[in-house]
Amino acid sequence: ERSLAPRSVSRLFRPPAAVFDDAQLEVLDRHGYRAVLGSTYPFDTS
């Protein structure tokens, strides 16, 4: 957040390497973030 300030940043968080657990999701929720993954992935172009 500090690195991106003062730019407008959404409250969306993508877990690095798409690795997460329930405890992480609870922490994100408490701090106003929503975890985001996706329904399609990088090799979709090929």
PDB file of all heavy atoms in Angstrom:
ATOM      1  N   GLU A   1       0.836  -1.209   0.000  1.00  0.00           N
ATOM      2  CA  GLU A   1       0.000   0.000   0.000  1.00  0.00           C
ATOM      3  C   GLU A   1       0.868   1.255   0.000  1.00  0.00           C
ATOM      4  O   GLU A   1       0.603   2.213  -0.734  1.00  0.00           O
ATOM      5  CB  GLU A   1      -0.917  -0.008   1.226  1.00  0.00           C
ATOM      6  CG  GLU A   1      -2.035  -1.044   1.160  1.00  0.00           C
ATOM      7  CD  GLU A   1      -2.810  -1.125   2.466  1.00  0.00           C
ATOM      8  OE1 GLU A   1      -2.470  -0.365   3.411  1.00  0.00           O
ATOM      9  OE2 GLU A   1      -3.729  -1.948   2.562  1.00  0.00           O
ATOM     10  N   ARG A   2       1.913   1.249   0.826  1.00  0.00           N
ATOM     11  CA  ARG A   2       2.800   2.417   0.893  1.00  0.00           C
ATOM     12  C   ARG A   2       3.547   2.621  -0.419  1.00  0.00           C
ATOM     13  O   ARG A   2       3.747   3.760  -0.863  1.00  0.00           O
ATOM     14  CB  ARG A   2       3.800   2.233   2.033  1.00  0.00           C
ATOM     15  CG  ARG A   2       3.173   2.297   3.413  1.00  0.00           C
ATOM     16  CD  ARG A   2       4.166   1.924   4.481  1.00  0.00           C
ATOM     17  NE  ARG A   2       3.498   1.645   5.761  1.00  0.00           N
ATOM     18  CZ  ARG A   2       4.034   0.930   6.725  1.00  0.00           C
ATOM     19  NH1 ARG A   2       5.237   0.400   6.570  1.00  0.00           N
ATOM     20  NH2 ARG A   2       3.371   0.720   7.841  1.00  0.00           N
ATOM     21  N   SER A   3       3.962   1.521  -1.051  1.00  0.00           N
ATOM     22  CA  SER A   3       4.675   1.639  -2.322  1.00  0.00           C
ATOM     23  C   SER A   3       3.786   2.219  -3.409  1.00  0.00           C
ATOM     24  O   SER A   3       4.245   2.970  -4.267  1.00  0.00           O
ATOM     25  CB  SER A   3       5.187   0.259  -2.762  1.00  0.00           C
ATOM     26  OG  SER A   3       6.144  -0.244  -1.865  1.00  0.00           O
ATOM     27  N   LEU A   4       2.510   1.865  -3.362  1.00  0.00           N
ATOM     28  CA  LEU A   4       1.583   2.304  -4.402  1.00  0.00           C
ATOM     29  C   LEU A   4       0.986   3.682  -4.136  1.00  0.00           C
ATOM     30  O   LEU A   4       0.448   4.312  -5.048  1.00  0.00           O
ATOM     31  CB  LEU A   4       0.459   1.275  -4.554  1.00  0.00           C
ATOM     32  CG  LEU A   4       0.875  -0.064  -5.163  1.00  0.00           C
ATOM     33  CD1 LEU A   4      -0.231  -1.093  -4.997  1.00  0.00           C
ATOM     34  CD2 LEU A   4       1.221   0.108  -6.638  1.00  0.00           C
ATOM     35  N   ALA A   5       1.058   4.161  -2.905  1.00  0.00           N
ATOM     36  CA  ALA A   5       0.504   5.482  -2.579  1.00  0.00           C
ATOM     37  C   ALA A   5       1.247   6.568  -3.364  1.00  0.00           C
ATOM     38  O   ALA A   5       2.449   6.447  -3.632  1.00  0.00           O
ATOM     39  CB  ALA A   5       0.634   5.724  -1.081  1.00  0.00           C
ATOM     40  N   PRO A   6       0.555   7.629  -3.788  1.00  0.00           N
ATOM     41  CA  PRO A   6      -0.861   7.964  -3.519  1.00  0.00           C
ATOM     42  C   PRO A   6      -1.807   7.468  -4.609  1.00  0.00           C
ATOM     43  O   PRO A   6      -2.915   7.980  -4.736  1.00  0.00           O
ATOM     44  CB  PRO A   6      -0.809   9.487  -3.493  1.00  0.00           C
ATOM     45  CG  PRO A   6       0.209   9.823  -4.555  1.00  0.00           C
ATOM     46  CD  PRO A   6       1.238   8.739  -4.469  1.00  0.00           C
ATOM     47  N   ARG A   7      -1.382   6.530  -5.404  1.00  0.00           N
ATOM     48  CA  ARG A   7      -2.240   6.029  -6.481  1.00  0.00           C
ATOM     49  C   ARG A   7      -3.469   5.338  -5.892  1.00  0.00           C
ATOM     50  O   ARG A   7      -3.411   4.739  -4.828  1.00  0.00           O
ATOM     51  CB  ARG A   7      -1.462   5.049  -7.361  1.00  0.00           C
ATOM     52  CG  ARG A   7      -0.184   5.643  -7.944  1.00  0.00           C
ATOM     53  CD  ARG A   7       0.686   4.562  -8.564  1.00  0.00           C
ATOM     54  NE  ARG A   7       1.999   5.088  -8.902  1.00  0.00           N
ATOM     55  CZ  ARG A   7       3.010   5.145  -8.049  1.00  0.00           C
ATOM     56  NH1 ARG A   7       2.848   4.707  -6.810  1.00  0.00           N
ATOM     57  NH2 ARG A   7       4.173   5.631  -8.431  1.00  0.00           N
ATOM     58  N   SER A   8      -4.557   5.383  -6.617  1.00  0.00           N
ATOM     59  CA  SER A   8      -5.780   4.715  -6.187  1.00  0.00           C
ATOM     60  C   SER A   8      -5.615   3.202  -6.375  1.00  0.00           C
ATOM     61  O   SER A   8      -5.303   2.733  -7.474  1.00  0.00           O
ATOM     62  CB  SER A   8      -6.975   5.213  -7.007  1.00  0.00           C
ATOM     63  OG  SER A   8      -8.144   4.515  -6.650  1.00  0.00           O
ATOM     64  N   VAL A   9      -5.798   2.472  -5.301  1.00  0.00           N
ATOM     65  CA  VAL A   9      -5.601   1.013  -5.334  1.00  0.00           C
ATOM     66  C   VAL A   9      -6.865   0.326  -4.837  1.00  0.00           C
ATOM     67  O   VAL A   9      -7.454   0.739  -3.832  1.00  0.00           O
ATOM     68  CB  VAL A   9      -4.404   0.597  -4.453  1.00  0.00           C
ATOM     69  CG1 VAL A   9      -4.191  -0.905  -4.532  1.00  0.00           C
ATOM     70  CG2 VAL A   9      -3.141   1.326  -4.891  1.00  0.00           C
ATOM     71  N   SER A  10      -7.285  -0.721  -5.534  1.00  0.00           N
ATOM     72  CA  SER A  10      -8.469  -1.472  -5.123  1.00  0.00           C
ATOM     73  C   SER A  10      -8.158  -2.289  -3.875  1.00  0.00           C
ATOM     74  O   SER A  10      -6.999  -2.460  -3.485  1.00  0.00           O
ATOM     75  CB  SER A  10      -8.912  -2.402  -6.244  1.00  0.00           C
ATOM     76  OG  SER A  10      -7.966  -3.455  -6.409  1.00  0.00           O
ATOM     77  N   ARG A  11      -9.190  -2.819  -3.255  1.00  0.00           N
ATOM     78  CA  ARG A  11      -9.008  -3.698  -2.092  1.00  0.00           C
ATOM     79  C   ARG A  11      -9.042  -5.153  -2.535  1.00  0.00           C
ATOM     80  O   ARG A  11      -9.562  -6.030  -1.845  1.00  0.00           O
ATOM     81  CB  ARG A  11     -10.103  -3.425  -1.062  1.00  0.00           C
ATOM     82  CG  ARG A  11     -10.190  -1.993  -0.608  1.00  0.00           C
ATOM     83  CD  ARG A  11      -8.925  -1.528   0.089  1.00  0.00           C
ATOM     84  NE  ARG A  11      -8.793  -2.094   1.417  1.00  0.00           N
ATOM     85  CZ  ARG A  11      -7.780  -1.814   2.240  1.00  0.00           C
ATOM     86  NH1 ARG A  11      -6.821  -0.992   1.860  1.00  0.00           N
ATOM     87  NH2 ARG A  11      -7.722  -2.371   3.451  1.00  0.00           N
ATOM     88  N   LEU A  12      -8.446  -5.403  -3.685  1.00  0.00           N
ATOM     89  CA  LEU A  12      -8.351  -6.760  -4.209  1.00  0.00           C
ATOM     90  C   LEU A  12      -6.930  -7.269  -3.983  1.00  0.00           C
ATOM     91  O   LEU A  12      -5.953  -6.556  -4.200  1.00  0.00           O
ATOM     92  CB  LEU A  12      -8.672  -6.784  -5.701  1.00  0.00           C
ATOM     93  CG  LEU A  12     -10.054  -6.259  -6.102  1.00  0.00           C
ATOM     94  CD1 LEU A  12     -10.213  -6.285  -7.621  1.00  0.00           C
ATOM     95  CD2 LEU A  12     -11.160  -7.065  -5.429  1.00  0.00           C
ATOM     96  N   PHE A  13      -6.823  -8.524  -3.564  1.00  0.00           N
ATOM     97  CA  PHE A  13      -5.515  -9.124  -3.290  1.00  0.00           C
ATOM     98  C   PHE A  13      -5.400 -10.459  -4.011  1.00  0.00           C
ATOM     99  O   PHE A  13      -6.266 -11.323  -3.885  1.00  0.00           O
ATOM    100  CB  PHE A  13      -5.325  -9.345  -1.788  1.00  0.00           C
ATOM    101  CG  PHE A  13      -4.015  -9.999  -1.435  1.00  0.00           C
ATOM    102  CD1 PHE A  13      -2.844  -9.255  -1.390  1.00  0.00           C
ATOM    103  CD2 PHE A  13      -3.958 -11.354  -1.153  1.00  0.00           C
ATOM    104  CE1 PHE A  13      -1.627  -9.853  -1.069  1.00  0.00           C
ATOM    105  CE2 PHE A  13      -2.754 -11.958  -0.829  1.00  0.00           C
ATOM    106  CZ  PHE A  13      -1.584 -11.211  -0.780  1.00  0.00           C
ATOM    107  N   ARG A  14      -4.345 -10.618  -4.762  1.00  0.00           N
ATOM    108  CA  ARG A  14      -4.088 -11.908  -5.411  1.00  0.00           C
ATOM    109  C   ARG A  14      -2.949 -12.612  -4.677  1.00  0.00           C
ATOM    110  O   ARG A  14      -1.816 -12.120  -4.655  1.00  0.00           O
ATOM    111  CB  ARG A  14      -3.736 -11.729  -6.885  1.00  0.00           C
ATOM    112  CG  ARG A  14      -3.353 -13.051  -7.566  1.00  0.00           C
ATOM    113  CD  ARG A  14      -3.532 -12.978  -9.063  1.00  0.00           C
ATOM    114  NE  ARG A  14      -4.946 -12.990  -9.408  1.00  0.00           N
ATOM    115  CZ  ARG A  14      -5.416 -12.696 -10.631  1.00  0.00           C
ATOM    116  NH1 ARG A  14      -4.572 -12.365 -11.592  1.00  0.00           N
ATOM    117  NH2 ARG A  14      -6.710 -12.736 -10.874  1.00  0.00           N
ATOM    118  N   PRO A  15      -3.227 -13.750  -4.051  1.00  0.00           N
ATOM    119  CA  PRO A  15      -2.187 -14.474  -3.322  1.00  0.00           C
ATOM    120  C   PRO A  15      -1.043 -14.889  -4.256  1.00  0.00           C
ATOM    121  O   PRO A  15      -1.292 -15.408  -5.341  1.00  0.00           O
ATOM    122  CB  PRO A  15      -2.922 -15.712  -2.791  1.00  0.00           C
ATOM    123  CG  PRO A  15      -4.364 -15.320  -2.777  1.00  0.00           C
ATOM    124  CD  PRO A  15      -4.536 -14.412  -3.962  1.00  0.00           C
ATOM    125  N   PRO A  16       0.194 -14.628  -3.865  1.00  0.00           N
ATOM    126  CA  PRO A  16       1.331 -15.046  -4.695  1.00  0.00           C
ATOM    127  C   PRO A  16       1.282 -16.545  -4.985  1.00  0.00           C
ATOM    128  O   PRO A  16       1.009 -17.350  -4.094  1.00  0.00           O
ATOM    129  CB  PRO A  16       2.544 -14.697  -3.824  1.00  0.00           C
ATOM    130  CG  PRO A  16       2.068 -13.582  -2.966  1.00  0.00           C
ATOM    131  CD  PRO A  16       0.629 -13.900  -2.664  1.00  0.00           C
ATOM    132  N   ALA A  17       1.511 -16.892  -6.249  1.00  0.00           N
ATOM    133  CA  ALA A  17       1.497 -18.294  -6.699  1.00  0.00           C
ATOM    134  C   ALA A  17       0.144 -18.958  -6.466  1.00  0.00           C
ATOM    135  O   ALA A  17       0.030 -20.180  -6.520  1.00  0.00           O
ATOM    136  CB  ALA A  17       2.598 -19.105  -6.017  1.00  0.00           C
ATOM    137  N   ALA A  18      -0.897 -18.151  -6.208  1.00  0.00           N
ATOM    138  CA  ALA A  18      -2.259 -18.659  -5.977  1.00  0.00           C
ATOM    139  C   ALA A  18      -2.334 -19.600  -4.780  1.00  0.00           C
ATOM    140  O   ALA A  18      -3.212 -20.446  -4.693  1.00  0.00           O
ATOM    141  CB  ALA A  18      -2.791 -19.364  -7.227  1.00  0.00           C
ATOM    142  N   VAL A  19      -1.390 -19.439  -3.834  1.00  0.00           N
ATOM    143  CA  VAL A  19      -1.372 -20.282  -2.637  1.00  0.00           C
ATOM    144  C   VAL A  19      -2.039 -19.540  -1.486  1.00  0.00           C
ATOM    145  O   VAL A  19      -1.641 -18.425  -1.146  1.00  0.00           O
ATOM    146  CB  VAL A  19       0.079 -20.653  -2.246  1.00  0.00           C
ATOM    147  CG1 VAL A  19       0.099 -21.442  -0.935  1.00  0.00           C
ATOM    148  CG2 VAL A  19       0.719 -21.481  -3.357  1.00  0.00           C
ATOM    149  N   PHE A  20      -3.047 -20.149  -0.895  1.00  0.00           N
ATOM    150  CA  PHE A  20      -3.747 -19.523   0.223  1.00  0.00           C
ATOM    151  C   PHE A  20      -4.303 -20.600   1.138  1.00  0.00           C
ATOM    152  O   PHE A  20      -4.347 -21.787   0.778  1.00  0.00           O
ATOM    153  CB  PHE A  20      -4.883 -18.625  -0.288  1.00  0.00           C
ATOM    154  CG  PHE A  20      -5.979 -19.370  -0.991  1.00  0.00           C
ATOM    155  CD1 PHE A  20      -7.073 -19.874  -0.286  1.00  0.00           C
ATOM    156  CD2 PHE A  20      -5.923 -19.592  -2.358  1.00  0.00           C
ATOM    157  CE1 PHE A  20      -8.081 -20.576  -0.933  1.00  0.00           C
ATOM    158  CE2 PHE A  20      -6.925 -20.303  -3.019  1.00  0.00           C
ATOM    159  CZ  PHE A  20      -8.003 -20.789  -2.299  1.00  0.00           C
ATOM    160  N   ASP A  21      -4.695 -20.190   2.313  1.00  0.00           N
ATOM    161  CA  ASP A  21      -5.386 -21.093   3.234  1.00  0.00           C
ATOM    162  C   ASP A  21      -6.487 -20.317   3.939  1.00  0.00           C
ATOM    163  O   ASP A  21      -6.625 -19.104   3.750  1.00  0.00           O
ATOM    164  CB  ASP A  21      -4.409 -21.735   4.238  1.00  0.00           C
ATOM    165  CG  ASP A  21      -3.599 -20.708   5.014  1.00  0.00           C
ATOM    166  OD1 ASP A  21      -4.063 -19.547   5.127  1.00  0.00           O
ATOM    167  OD2 ASP A  21      -2.505 -21.043   5.504  1.00  0.00           O
ATOM    168  N   ASP A  22      -7.273 -21.005   4.742  1.00  0.00           N
ATOM    169  CA  ASP A  22      -8.411 -20.359   5.403  1.00  0.00           C
ATOM    170  C   ASP A  22      -7.970 -19.225   6.326  1.00  0.00           C
ATOM    171  O   ASP A  22      -8.628 -18.183   6.403  1.00  0.00           O
ATOM    172  CB  ASP A  22      -9.219 -21.392   6.197  1.00  0.00           C
ATOM    173  CG  ASP A  22      -9.980 -22.349   5.284  1.00  0.00           C
ATOM    174  OD1 ASP A  22     -10.255 -21.959   4.133  1.00  0.00           O
ATOM    175  OD2 ASP A  22     -10.290 -23.471   5.722  1.00  0.00           O
ATOM    176  N   ALA A  23      -6.847 -19.427   7.018  1.00  0.00           N
ATOM    177  CA  ALA A  23      -6.368 -18.392   7.937  1.00  0.00           C
ATOM    178  C   ALA A  23      -6.019 -17.114   7.175  1.00  0.00           C
ATOM    179  O   ALA A  23      -6.324 -16.004   7.624  1.00  0.00           O
ATOM    180  CB  ALA A  23      -5.152 -18.908   8.703  1.00  0.00           C
ATOM    181  N   GLN A  24      -5.391 -17.263   6.024  1.00  0.00           N
ATOM    182  CA  GLN A  24      -5.038 -16.103   5.209  1.00  0.00           C
ATOM    183  C   GLN A  24      -6.287 -15.373   4.745  1.00  0.00           C
ATOM    184  O   GLN A  24      -6.338 -14.134   4.761  1.00  0.00           O
ATOM    185  CB  GLN A  24      -4.206 -16.540   4.010  1.00  0.00           C
ATOM    186  CG  GLN A  24      -3.774 -15.403   3.105  1.00  0.00           C
ATOM    187  CD  GLN A  24      -3.084 -15.885   1.837  1.00  0.00           C
ATOM    188  OE1 GLN A  24      -3.112 -15.224   0.811  1.00  0.00           O
ATOM    189  NE2 GLN A  24      -2.468 -17.062   1.893  1.00  0.00           N
ATOM    190  N   LEU A  25      -7.290 -16.108   4.322  1.00  0.00           N
ATOM    191  CA  LEU A  25      -8.541 -15.497   3.868  1.00  0.00           C
ATOM    192  C   LEU A  25      -9.220 -14.728   4.995  1.00  0.00           C
ATOM    193  O   LEU A  25      -9.809 -13.663   4.765  1.00  0.00           O
ATOM    194  CB  LEU A  25      -9.473 -16.571   3.301  1.00  0.00           C
ATOM    195  CG  LEU A  25      -8.978 -17.325   2.068  1.00  0.00           C
ATOM    196  CD1 LEU A  25      -9.997 -18.387   1.648  1.00  0.00           C
ATOM    197  CD2 LEU A  25      -8.716 -16.360   0.917  1.00  0.00           C
ATOM    198  N   GLU A  26      -9.140 -15.261   6.219  1.00  0.00           N
ATOM    199  CA  GLU A  26      -9.729 -14.576   7.365  1.00  0.00           C
ATOM    200  C   GLU A  26      -9.008 -13.253   7.629  1.00  0.00           C
ATOM    201  O   GLU A  26      -9.643 -12.234   7.925  1.00  0.00           O
ATOM    202  CB  GLU A  26      -9.657 -15.470   8.608  1.00  0.00           C
ATOM    203  CG  GLU A  26     -10.552 -16.699   8.557  1.00  0.00           C
ATOM    204  CD  GLU A  26     -12.031 -16.345   8.588  1.00  0.00           C
ATOM    205  OE1 GLU A  26     -12.363 -15.240   9.058  1.00  0.00           O
ATOM    206  OE2 GLU A  26     -12.850 -17.172   8.143  1.00  0.00           O
ATOM    207  N   VAL A  27      -7.679 -13.269   7.521  1.00  0.00           N
ATOM    208  CA  VAL A  27      -6.893 -12.049   7.733  1.00  0.00           C
ATOM    209  C   VAL A  27      -7.258 -11.006   6.676  1.00  0.00           C
ATOM    210  O   VAL A  27      -7.479  -9.822   6.989  1.00  0.00           O
ATOM    211  CB  VAL A  27      -5.392 -12.347   7.679  1.00  0.00           C
ATOM    212  CG1 VAL A  27      -4.578 -11.043   7.705  1.00  0.00           C
ATOM    213  CG2 VAL A  27      -4.981 -13.241   8.844  1.00  0.00           C
ATOM    214  N   LEU A  28      -7.339 -11.424   5.424  1.00  0.00           N
ATOM    215  CA  LEU A  28      -7.703 -10.498   4.350  1.00  0.00           C
ATOM    216  C   LEU A  28      -9.077  -9.893   4.601  1.00  0.00           C
ATOM    217  O   LEU A  28      -9.283  -8.683   4.420  1.00  0.00           O
ATOM    218  CB  LEU A  28      -7.687 -11.228   3.005  1.00  0.00           C
ATOM    219  CG  LEU A  28      -6.328 -11.725   2.503  1.00  0.00           C
ATOM    220  CD1 LEU A  28      -6.499 -12.565   1.247  1.00  0.00           C
ATOM    221  CD2 LEU A  28      -5.383 -10.553   2.231  1.00  0.00           C
ATOM    222  N   ASP A  29      -9.997 -10.725   5.025  1.00  0.00           N
ATOM    223  CA  ASP A  29     -11.357 -10.252   5.287  1.00  0.00           C
ATOM    224  C   ASP A  29     -11.372  -9.220   6.417  1.00  0.00           C
ATOM    225  O   ASP A  29     -12.052  -8.188   6.316  1.00  0.00           O
ATOM    226  CB  ASP A  29     -12.240 -11.454   5.642  1.00  0.00           C
ATOM    227  CG  ASP A  29     -13.712 -11.092   5.709  1.00  0.00           C
ATOM    228  OD1 ASP A  29     -14.230 -10.497   4.746  1.00  0.00           O
ATOM    229  OD2 ASP A  29     -14.353 -11.381   6.745  1.00  0.00           O
ATOM    230  N   ARG A  30     -10.618  -9.469   7.464  1.00  0.00           N
ATOM    231  CA  ARG A  30     -10.581  -8.538   8.598  1.00  0.00           C
ATOM    232  C   ARG A  30      -9.974  -7.192   8.207  1.00  0.00           C
ATOM    233  O   ARG A  30     -10.300  -6.159   8.816  1.00  0.00           O
ATOM    234  CB  ARG A  30      -9.776  -9.144   9.757  1.00  0.00           C
ATOM    235  CG  ARG A  30     -10.534 -10.166  10.571  1.00  0.00           C
ATOM    236  CD  ARG A  30      -9.879 -10.411  11.906  1.00  0.00           C
ATOM    237  NE  ARG A  30      -8.579 -11.048  11.790  1.00  0.00           N
ATOM    238  CZ  ARG A  30      -8.395 -12.355  11.718  1.00  0.00           C
ATOM    239  NH1 ARG A  30      -9.431 -13.173  11.742  1.00  0.00           N
ATOM    240  NH2 ARG A  30      -7.182 -12.856  11.642  1.00  0.00           N
ATOM    241  N   HIS A  31      -9.126  -7.197   7.222  1.00  0.00           N
ATOM    242  CA  HIS A  31      -8.463  -5.952   6.819  1.00  0.00           C
ATOM    243  C   HIS A  31      -9.054  -5.367   5.531  1.00  0.00           C
ATOM    244  O   HIS A  31      -8.442  -4.513   4.894  1.00  0.00           O
ATOM    245  CB  HIS A  31      -6.963  -6.187   6.671  1.00  0.00           C
ATOM    246  CG  HIS A  31      -6.279  -6.452   7.983  1.00  0.00           C
ATOM    247  ND1 HIS A  31      -5.791  -5.447   8.781  1.00  0.00           N
ATOM    248  CD2 HIS A  31      -6.051  -7.620   8.652  1.00  0.00           C
ATOM    249  CE1 HIS A  31      -5.264  -5.978   9.880  1.00  0.00           C
ATOM    250  NE2 HIS A  31      -5.407  -7.287   9.837  1.00  0.00           N
ATOM    251  N   GLY A  32     -10.250  -5.833   5.192  1.00  0.00           N
ATOM    252  CA  GLY A  32     -10.991  -5.217   4.097  1.00  0.00           C
ATOM    253  C   GLY A  32     -10.558  -5.610   2.704  1.00  0.00           C
ATOM    254  O   GLY A  32     -10.856  -4.907   1.735  1.00  0.00           O
ATOM    255  N   TYR A  33      -9.881  -6.755   2.572  1.00  0.00           N
ATOM    256  CA  TYR A  33      -9.434  -7.217   1.251  1.00  0.00           C
ATOM    257  C   TYR A  33     -10.243  -8.413   0.787  1.00  0.00           C
ATOM    258  O   TYR A  33     -10.777  -9.176   1.595  1.00  0.00           O
ATOM    259  CB  TYR A  33      -7.956  -7.610   1.291  1.00  0.00           C
ATOM    260  CG  TYR A  33      -7.001  -6.449   1.112  1.00  0.00           C
ATOM    261  CD1 TYR A  33      -6.540  -5.729   2.206  1.00  0.00           C
ATOM    262  CD2 TYR A  33      -6.568  -6.066  -0.153  1.00  0.00           C
ATOM    263  CE1 TYR A  33      -5.663  -4.666   2.059  1.00  0.00           C
ATOM    264  CE2 TYR A  33      -5.687  -5.008  -0.327  1.00  0.00           C
ATOM    265  CZ  TYR A  33      -5.245  -4.314   0.781  1.00  0.00           C
ATOM    266  OH  TYR A  33      -4.385  -3.253   0.618  1.00  0.00           O
ATOM    267  N   ARG A  34     -10.308  -8.579  -0.518  1.00  0.00           N
ATOM    268  CA  ARG A  34     -10.957  -9.746  -1.129  1.00  0.00           C
ATOM    269  C   ARG A  34      -9.917 -10.488  -1.960  1.00  0.00           C
ATOM    270  O   ARG A  34      -9.230  -9.877  -2.807  1.00  0.00           O
ATOM    271  CB  ARG A  34     -12.119  -9.308  -2.030  1.00  0.00           C
ATOM    272  CG  ARG A  34     -12.838 -10.469  -2.756  1.00  0.00           C
ATOM    273  CD  ARG A  34     -13.738 -11.212  -1.807  1.00  0.00           C
ATOM    274  NE  ARG A  34     -14.372 -12.367  -2.418  1.00  0.00           N
ATOM    275  CZ  ARG A  34     -15.521 -12.341  -3.109  1.00  0.00           C
ATOM    276  NH1 ARG A  34     -16.148 -11.184  -3.308  1.00  0.00           N
ATOM    277  NH2 ARG A  34     -16.047 -13.449  -3.599  1.00  0.00           N
ATOM    278  N   ALA A  35      -9.763 -11.770  -1.702  1.00  0.00           N
ATOM    279  CA  ALA A  35      -8.828 -12.583  -2.481  1.00  0.00           C
ATOM    280  C   ALA A  35      -9.402 -12.832  -3.874  1.00  0.00           C
ATOM    281  O   ALA A  35     -10.580 -13.155  -4.021  1.00  0.00           O
ATOM    282  CB  ALA A  35      -8.555 -13.910  -1.782  1.00  0.00           C
ATOM    283  N   VAL A  36      -8.563 -12.677  -4.884  1.00  0.00           N
ATOM    284  CA  VAL A  36      -8.996 -12.840  -6.273  1.00  0.00           C
ATOM    285  C   VAL A  36      -8.062 -13.815  -6.989  1.00  0.00           C
ATOM    286  O   VAL A  36      -6.843 -13.643  -6.968  1.00  0.00           O
ATOM    287  CB  VAL A  36      -8.980 -11.485  -7.028  1.00  0.00           C
ATOM    288  CG1 VAL A  36      -9.387 -11.688  -8.478  1.00  0.00           C
ATOM    289  CG2 VAL A  36      -9.882 -10.483  -6.349  1.00  0.00           C
ATOM    290  N   LEU A  37      -8.643 -14.819  -7.617  1.00  0.00           N
ATOM    291  CA  LEU A  37      -7.853 -15.703  -8.478  1.00  0.00           C
ATOM    292  C   LEU A  37      -8.357 -15.525  -9.905  1.00  0.00           C
ATOM    293  O   LEU A  37      -8.136 -14.515 -10.520  1.00  0.00           O
ATOM    294  CB  LEU A  37      -7.937 -17.155  -7.998  1.00  0.00           C
ATOM    295  CG  LEU A  37      -7.190 -17.434  -6.688  1.00  0.00           C
ATOM    296  CD1 LEU A  37      -7.278 -18.903  -6.308  1.00  0.00           C
ATOM    297  CD2 LEU A  37      -5.742 -16.995  -6.778  1.00  0.00           C
ATOM    298  N   GLY A  38      -9.073 -16.497 -10.444  1.00  0.00           N
ATOM    299  CA  GLY A  38      -9.580 -16.361 -11.801  1.00  0.00           C
ATOM    300  C   GLY A  38     -10.178 -17.657 -12.285  1.00  0.00           C
ATOM    301  O   GLY A  38     -10.154 -18.673 -11.590  1.00  0.00           O
ATOM    302  N   SER A  39     -10.720 -17.648 -13.477  1.00  0.00           N
ATOM    303  CA  SER A  39     -11.322 -18.851 -14.043  1.00  0.00           C
ATOM    304  C   SER A  39     -10.568 -19.341 -15.273  1.00  0.00           C
ATOM    305  O   SER A  39     -10.896 -20.388 -15.826  1.00  0.00           O
ATOM    306  CB  SER A  39     -12.789 -18.585 -14.414  1.00  0.00           C
ATOM    307  OG  SER A  39     -12.884 -17.484 -15.302  1.00  0.00           O
ATOM    308  N   THR A  40      -9.574 -18.590 -15.713  1.00  0.00           N
ATOM    309  CA  THR A  40      -8.687 -19.039 -16.792  1.00  0.00           C
ATOM    310  C   THR A  40      -7.268 -18.600 -16.442  1.00  0.00           C
ATOM    311  O   THR A  40      -7.080 -17.635 -15.697  1.00  0.00           O
ATOM    312  CB  THR A  40      -9.074 -18.429 -18.158  1.00  0.00           C
ATOM    313  OG1 THR A  40      -9.063 -17.003 -18.053  1.00  0.00           O
ATOM    314  CG2 THR A  40     -10.438 -18.898 -18.605  1.00  0.00           C
ATOM    315  N   TYR A  41      -6.263 -19.288 -17.016  1.00  0.00           N
ATOM    316  CA  TYR A  41      -4.899 -19.081 -16.568  1.00  0.00           C
ATOM    317  C   TYR A  41      -3.913 -18.887 -17.720  1.00  0.00           C
ATOM    318  O   TYR A  41      -4.261 -19.042 -18.876  1.00  0.00           O
ATOM    319  CB  TYR A  41      -4.504 -20.235 -15.638  1.00  0.00           C
ATOM    320  CG  TYR A  41      -5.315 -20.176 -14.377  1.00  0.00           C
ATOM    321  CD1 TYR A  41      -6.502 -20.900 -14.266  1.00  0.00           C
ATOM    322  CD2 TYR A  41      -4.953 -19.335 -13.344  1.00  0.00           C
ATOM    323  CE1 TYR A  41      -7.286 -20.797 -13.129  1.00  0.00           C
ATOM    324  CE2 TYR A  41      -5.734 -19.225 -12.208  1.00  0.00           C
ATOM    325  CZ  TYR A  41      -6.889 -19.957 -12.101  1.00  0.00           C
ATOM    326  OH  TYR A  41      -7.678 -19.837 -10.981  1.00  0.00           O
ATOM    327  N   PRO A  42      -2.637 -18.524 -17.413  1.00  0.00           N
ATOM    328  CA  PRO A  42      -1.698 -17.988 -18.410  1.00  0.00           C
ATOM    329  C   PRO A  42      -1.557 -18.713 -19.738  1.00  0.00           C
ATOM    330  O   PRO A  42      -1.332 -18.075 -20.749  1.00  0.00           O
ATOM    331  CB  PRO A  42      -0.365 -17.988 -17.654  1.00  0.00           C
ATOM    332  CG  PRO A  42      -0.756 -17.781 -16.243  1.00  0.00           C
ATOM    333  CD  PRO A  42      -2.027 -18.567 -16.088  1.00  0.00           C
ATOM    334  N   PHE A  43      -1.640 -20.062 -19.764  1.00  0.00           N
ATOM    335  CA  PHE A  43      -1.430 -20.739 -21.040  1.00  0.00           C
ATOM    336  C   PHE A  43      -2.664 -20.715 -21.927  1.00  0.00           C
ATOM    337  O   PHE A  43      -2.732 -21.397 -22.940  1.00  0.00           O
ATOM    338  CB  PHE A  43      -0.984 -22.191 -20.820  1.00  0.00           C
ATOM    339  CG  PHE A  43      -1.803 -22.934 -19.795  1.00  0.00           C
ATOM    340  CD1 PHE A  43      -3.046 -23.445 -20.119  1.00  0.00           C
ATOM    341  CD2 PHE A  43      -1.312 -23.114 -18.512  1.00  0.00           C
ATOM    342  CE1 PHE A  43      -3.784 -24.143 -19.183  1.00  0.00           C
ATOM    343  CE2 PHE A  43      -2.055 -23.805 -17.572  1.00  0.00           C
ATOM    344  CZ  PHE A  43      -3.286 -24.323 -17.894  1.00  0.00           C
ATOM    345  N   ASP A  44      -3.654 -19.895 -21.568  1.00  0.00           N
ATOM    346  CA  ASP A  44      -4.879 -19.800 -22.366  1.00  0.00           C
ATOM    347  C   ASP A  44      -4.625 -19.326 -23.791  1.00  0.00           C
ATOM    348  O   ASP A  44      -5.392 -19.633 -24.698  1.00  0.00           O
ATOM    349  CB  ASP A  44      -5.874 -18.839 -21.710  1.00  0.00           C
ATOM    350  CG  ASP A  44      -6.216 -19.282 -20.309  1.00  0.00           C
ATOM    351  OD1 ASP A  44      -6.048 -20.470 -20.024  1.00  0.00           O
ATOM    352  OD2 ASP A  44      -6.628 -18.446 -19.509  1.00  0.00           O
ATOM    353  N   THR A  45      -3.566 -18.542 -23.995  1.00  0.00           N
ATOM    354  CA  THR A  45      -3.314 -18.018 -25.335  1.00  0.00           C
ATOM    355  C   THR A  45      -2.962 -19.124 -26.317  1.00  0.00           C
ATOM    356  O   THR A  45      -3.217 -19.014 -27.509  1.00  0.00           O
ATOM    357  CB  THR A  45      -2.161 -17.010 -25.301  1.00  0.00           C
ATOM    358  OG1 THR A  45      -1.035 -17.597 -24.637  1.00  0.00           O
ATOM    359  CG2 THR A  45      -2.584 -15.758 -24.550  1.00  0.00           C
ATOM    360  N   SER A  46      -2.368 -20.204 -25.820  1.00  0.00           N
ATOM    361  CA  SER A  46      -2.010 -21.302 -26.713  1.00  0.00           C
ATOM    362  C   SER A  46      -3.016 -22.442 -26.666  1.00  0.00           C
ATOM    363  O   SER A  46      -3.123 -23.227 -27.590  1.00  0.00           O
ATOM    364  CB  SER A  46      -0.620 -21.862 -26.347  1.00  0.00           C
ATOM    365  OG  SER A  46      -0.615 -22.312 -24.998  1.00  0.00           O
TER     366      SER A  46
END
